[in-house]
N, C-alpha and C. Protein backbone atom coordinates (compact mmCIF):
# COMPACT_ATOMS: atom_id res chain seq x y z
N UNK A 1 80.82 193.25 107.34
CA UNK A 1 79.72 193.89 107.98
C UNK A 1 79.10 194.86 106.98
N UNK A 2 78.07 194.36 106.39
CA UNK A 2 77.37 195.16 105.39
C UNK A 2 76.23 195.91 106.04
N UNK A 3 75.94 197.06 105.47
CA UNK A 3 74.88 197.88 106.00
C UNK A 3 73.88 198.17 104.88
N UNK A 4 72.62 197.91 105.11
CA UNK A 4 71.57 198.14 104.13
C UNK A 4 70.95 199.50 104.41
N UNK A 5 70.99 200.34 103.40
CA UNK A 5 70.41 201.68 103.56
C UNK A 5 69.30 201.85 102.54
N UNK A 6 68.26 202.51 102.92
CA UNK A 6 67.14 202.78 102.03
C UNK A 6 67.42 204.08 101.29
N UNK A 7 67.44 203.98 99.96
CA UNK A 7 67.70 205.17 99.16
C UNK A 7 66.36 205.80 98.77
N UNK A 8 66.34 207.09 98.75
CA UNK A 8 65.10 207.78 98.38
C UNK A 8 65.10 208.01 96.87
N UNK A 9 64.54 207.08 96.16
CA UNK A 9 64.53 207.19 94.70
C UNK A 9 63.18 207.67 94.18
N UNK A 10 62.16 207.54 94.95
CA UNK A 10 60.83 207.90 94.47
C UNK A 10 60.28 209.04 95.33
N UNK A 11 59.51 209.88 94.66
CA UNK A 11 58.88 210.99 95.38
C UNK A 11 57.37 210.89 95.15
N UNK A 12 56.64 211.37 96.08
CA UNK A 12 55.18 211.36 95.95
C UNK A 12 54.74 212.64 95.24
N UNK A 13 54.95 212.68 93.94
CA UNK A 13 54.57 213.84 93.15
C UNK A 13 53.63 213.40 92.04
N UNK A 14 52.68 214.26 91.73
CA UNK A 14 51.73 214.00 90.66
C UNK A 14 51.84 215.13 89.66
N UNK A 15 52.04 214.79 88.39
CA UNK A 15 52.09 215.79 87.33
C UNK A 15 50.75 215.81 86.61
N UNK A 16 50.15 216.96 86.52
CA UNK A 16 48.87 217.12 85.83
C UNK A 16 49.13 217.95 84.59
N UNK A 17 48.73 217.40 83.45
CA UNK A 17 48.90 218.07 82.17
C UNK A 17 47.54 218.45 81.62
N UNK A 18 47.45 219.65 81.13
CA UNK A 18 46.20 220.09 80.52
C UNK A 18 46.15 219.61 79.07
N UNK A 19 45.03 219.06 78.68
CA UNK A 19 44.87 218.57 77.31
C UNK A 19 43.83 219.37 76.57
N UNK A 20 43.44 218.84 75.44
CA UNK A 20 42.43 219.50 74.63
C UNK A 20 41.06 219.14 75.18
N UNK A 21 40.24 220.15 75.40
CA UNK A 21 38.91 219.90 75.93
C UNK A 21 37.93 219.46 74.85
N UNK A 22 38.07 220.01 73.67
CA UNK A 22 37.16 219.67 72.59
C UNK A 22 37.95 219.09 71.43
N UNK A 23 37.38 218.07 70.82
CA UNK A 23 38.02 217.42 69.68
C UNK A 23 37.55 218.13 68.42
N UNK A 24 38.49 218.51 67.60
CA UNK A 24 38.13 219.17 66.35
C UNK A 24 38.06 218.12 65.25
N UNK A 25 37.00 218.12 64.51
CA UNK A 25 36.85 217.21 63.39
C UNK A 25 36.74 218.01 62.11
N UNK A 26 37.27 217.44 61.05
CA UNK A 26 37.19 218.09 59.76
C UNK A 26 36.34 217.24 58.84
N UNK A 27 35.63 217.89 57.96
CA UNK A 27 34.82 217.15 57.00
C UNK A 27 35.64 216.91 55.74
N UNK A 28 35.09 216.11 54.84
CA UNK A 28 35.78 215.78 53.60
C UNK A 28 36.00 217.02 52.75
N UNK A 29 35.10 217.96 52.82
CA UNK A 29 35.22 219.19 52.03
C UNK A 29 36.34 220.09 52.54
N UNK A 30 36.72 219.96 53.81
CA UNK A 30 37.78 220.80 54.37
C UNK A 30 39.18 220.33 53.97
N UNK A 31 39.30 219.11 53.46
CA UNK A 31 40.61 218.59 53.06
C UNK A 31 41.04 219.20 51.74
N UNK A 32 42.35 219.31 51.54
CA UNK A 32 42.81 219.84 50.26
C UNK A 32 42.82 218.71 49.21
N UNK A 33 43.15 219.03 47.99
CA UNK A 33 43.01 218.09 46.88
C UNK A 33 43.89 216.85 47.04
N UNK A 34 45.12 217.02 47.48
CA UNK A 34 46.04 215.88 47.63
C UNK A 34 45.56 214.97 48.75
N UNK A 35 45.10 215.53 49.85
CA UNK A 35 44.60 214.70 50.95
C UNK A 35 43.37 213.91 50.53
N UNK A 36 42.51 214.50 49.71
CA UNK A 36 41.34 213.78 49.21
C UNK A 36 41.77 212.62 48.33
N UNK A 37 42.76 212.83 47.46
CA UNK A 37 43.21 211.77 46.57
C UNK A 37 43.84 210.63 47.36
N UNK A 38 44.63 210.95 48.36
CA UNK A 38 45.25 209.92 49.18
C UNK A 38 44.19 209.13 49.95
N UNK A 39 43.20 209.82 50.49
CA UNK A 39 42.15 209.15 51.23
C UNK A 39 41.33 208.23 50.33
N UNK A 40 41.00 208.68 49.14
CA UNK A 40 40.23 207.85 48.20
C UNK A 40 41.05 206.65 47.75
N UNK A 41 42.33 206.85 47.45
CA UNK A 41 43.20 205.75 47.01
C UNK A 41 43.37 204.72 48.12
N UNK A 42 43.56 205.17 49.35
CA UNK A 42 43.71 204.25 50.47
C UNK A 42 42.43 203.44 50.68
N UNK A 43 41.29 204.11 50.64
CA UNK A 43 40.02 203.42 50.82
C UNK A 43 39.78 202.40 49.72
N UNK A 44 40.08 202.76 48.49
CA UNK A 44 39.89 201.86 47.36
C UNK A 44 40.79 200.63 47.49
N UNK A 45 42.06 200.83 47.85
CA UNK A 45 42.97 199.69 47.97
C UNK A 45 42.60 198.81 49.16
N UNK A 46 42.10 199.41 50.23
CA UNK A 46 41.72 198.62 51.40
C UNK A 46 40.49 197.76 51.12
N UNK A 47 39.51 198.33 50.42
CA UNK A 47 38.29 197.57 50.12
C UNK A 47 38.59 196.45 49.13
N UNK A 48 39.42 196.71 48.13
CA UNK A 48 39.72 195.69 47.13
C UNK A 48 40.66 194.61 47.64
N UNK A 49 41.20 194.80 48.79
CA UNK A 49 42.08 193.79 49.38
C UNK A 49 41.31 192.53 49.73
N UNK A 50 40.03 192.65 50.01
CA UNK A 50 39.24 191.52 50.49
C UNK A 50 38.39 190.87 49.41
N UNK A 51 38.70 191.10 48.14
CA UNK A 51 37.95 190.43 47.09
C UNK A 51 38.30 188.95 47.10
N UNK A 52 37.35 188.15 46.66
CA UNK A 52 37.58 186.72 46.64
C UNK A 52 38.59 186.31 45.58
N UNK A 53 39.29 185.23 45.84
CA UNK A 53 40.26 184.72 44.90
C UNK A 53 39.55 183.86 43.86
N UNK A 54 40.15 183.79 42.68
CA UNK A 54 39.59 182.94 41.63
C UNK A 54 39.71 181.48 42.04
N UNK A 55 38.84 180.66 41.48
CA UNK A 55 38.88 179.24 41.82
C UNK A 55 40.17 178.63 41.30
N UNK A 56 40.71 177.71 42.05
CA UNK A 56 41.94 177.05 41.63
C UNK A 56 41.63 176.08 40.49
N UNK A 57 42.50 176.07 39.52
CA UNK A 57 42.33 175.18 38.37
C UNK A 57 43.28 174.01 38.56
N UNK A 58 42.74 172.81 38.53
CA UNK A 58 43.53 171.60 38.62
C UNK A 58 43.58 170.97 37.23
N UNK A 59 44.68 171.17 36.50
CA UNK A 59 44.71 170.69 35.12
C UNK A 59 44.66 169.17 35.00
N UNK A 60 45.11 168.46 36.01
CA UNK A 60 45.13 167.00 35.94
C UNK A 60 44.12 166.37 36.89
N UNK A 61 43.00 167.02 37.07
CA UNK A 61 42.02 166.55 38.04
C UNK A 61 41.42 165.20 37.62
N UNK A 62 41.15 165.01 36.34
CA UNK A 62 40.51 163.78 35.87
C UNK A 62 41.50 162.81 35.24
N UNK A 63 42.79 163.03 35.46
CA UNK A 63 43.81 162.15 34.88
C UNK A 63 43.91 160.88 35.68
N UNK A 64 43.93 159.78 34.99
CA UNK A 64 44.14 158.49 35.64
C UNK A 64 45.46 157.92 35.14
N UNK A 65 46.33 157.51 36.04
CA UNK A 65 47.60 156.95 35.59
C UNK A 65 47.38 155.63 34.87
N UNK A 66 48.32 155.25 34.00
CA UNK A 66 48.15 154.00 33.26
C UNK A 66 48.18 152.80 34.21
N UNK A 67 47.47 151.78 33.84
CA UNK A 67 47.42 150.58 34.67
C UNK A 67 48.68 149.76 34.46
N UNK A 68 49.30 149.36 35.56
CA UNK A 68 50.53 148.59 35.50
C UNK A 68 50.21 147.12 35.32
N UNK A 69 50.87 146.53 34.33
CA UNK A 69 50.68 145.10 34.10
C UNK A 69 51.66 144.30 34.94
N UNK A 70 52.89 144.80 35.00
CA UNK A 70 53.93 144.14 35.78
C UNK A 70 54.56 145.16 36.73
N UNK A 71 55.04 144.71 37.85
CA UNK A 71 55.75 145.58 38.78
C UNK A 71 57.20 145.64 38.31
N UNK A 72 57.61 146.77 37.77
CA UNK A 72 58.92 146.89 37.13
C UNK A 72 60.04 146.78 38.16
N UNK A 73 59.86 147.30 39.36
CA UNK A 73 60.90 147.19 40.39
C UNK A 73 61.18 145.73 40.74
N UNK A 74 60.17 144.92 40.85
CA UNK A 74 60.36 143.51 41.17
C UNK A 74 60.93 142.79 39.95
N UNK A 75 60.50 143.18 38.76
CA UNK A 75 60.97 142.55 37.53
C UNK A 75 62.47 142.74 37.37
N UNK A 76 62.99 143.92 37.64
CA UNK A 76 64.41 144.20 37.49
C UNK A 76 65.17 144.06 38.81
N UNK A 77 64.49 143.66 39.85
CA UNK A 77 65.06 143.45 41.17
C UNK A 77 65.81 144.69 41.66
N UNK A 78 65.17 145.84 41.58
CA UNK A 78 65.72 147.10 42.10
C UNK A 78 64.84 147.56 43.25
N UNK A 79 65.45 147.68 44.41
CA UNK A 79 64.70 148.06 45.62
C UNK A 79 65.44 149.20 46.31
N UNK A 80 64.68 150.11 46.86
CA UNK A 80 65.26 151.19 47.65
C UNK A 80 65.41 150.72 49.09
N UNK A 81 66.57 150.97 49.61
CA UNK A 81 66.82 150.56 51.00
C UNK A 81 66.94 151.78 51.85
């Protein structure tokens, strides 16, 4: 004989937190020297990430294999099974 009981695990409470009303922004001149260097280096590396790649070089693009006069596998009777 089991009995099901409702447990009170939740409460009807609302928490209100006060946040910042105004967003503070800083200009580039307000940053110190190290922050400017890091920002410039990051921007430079991010922009250069999307440069195009050099064209692929195919060294054997115009190579034609030699013309076979006889089929060597049939001539020596060697077959892969």
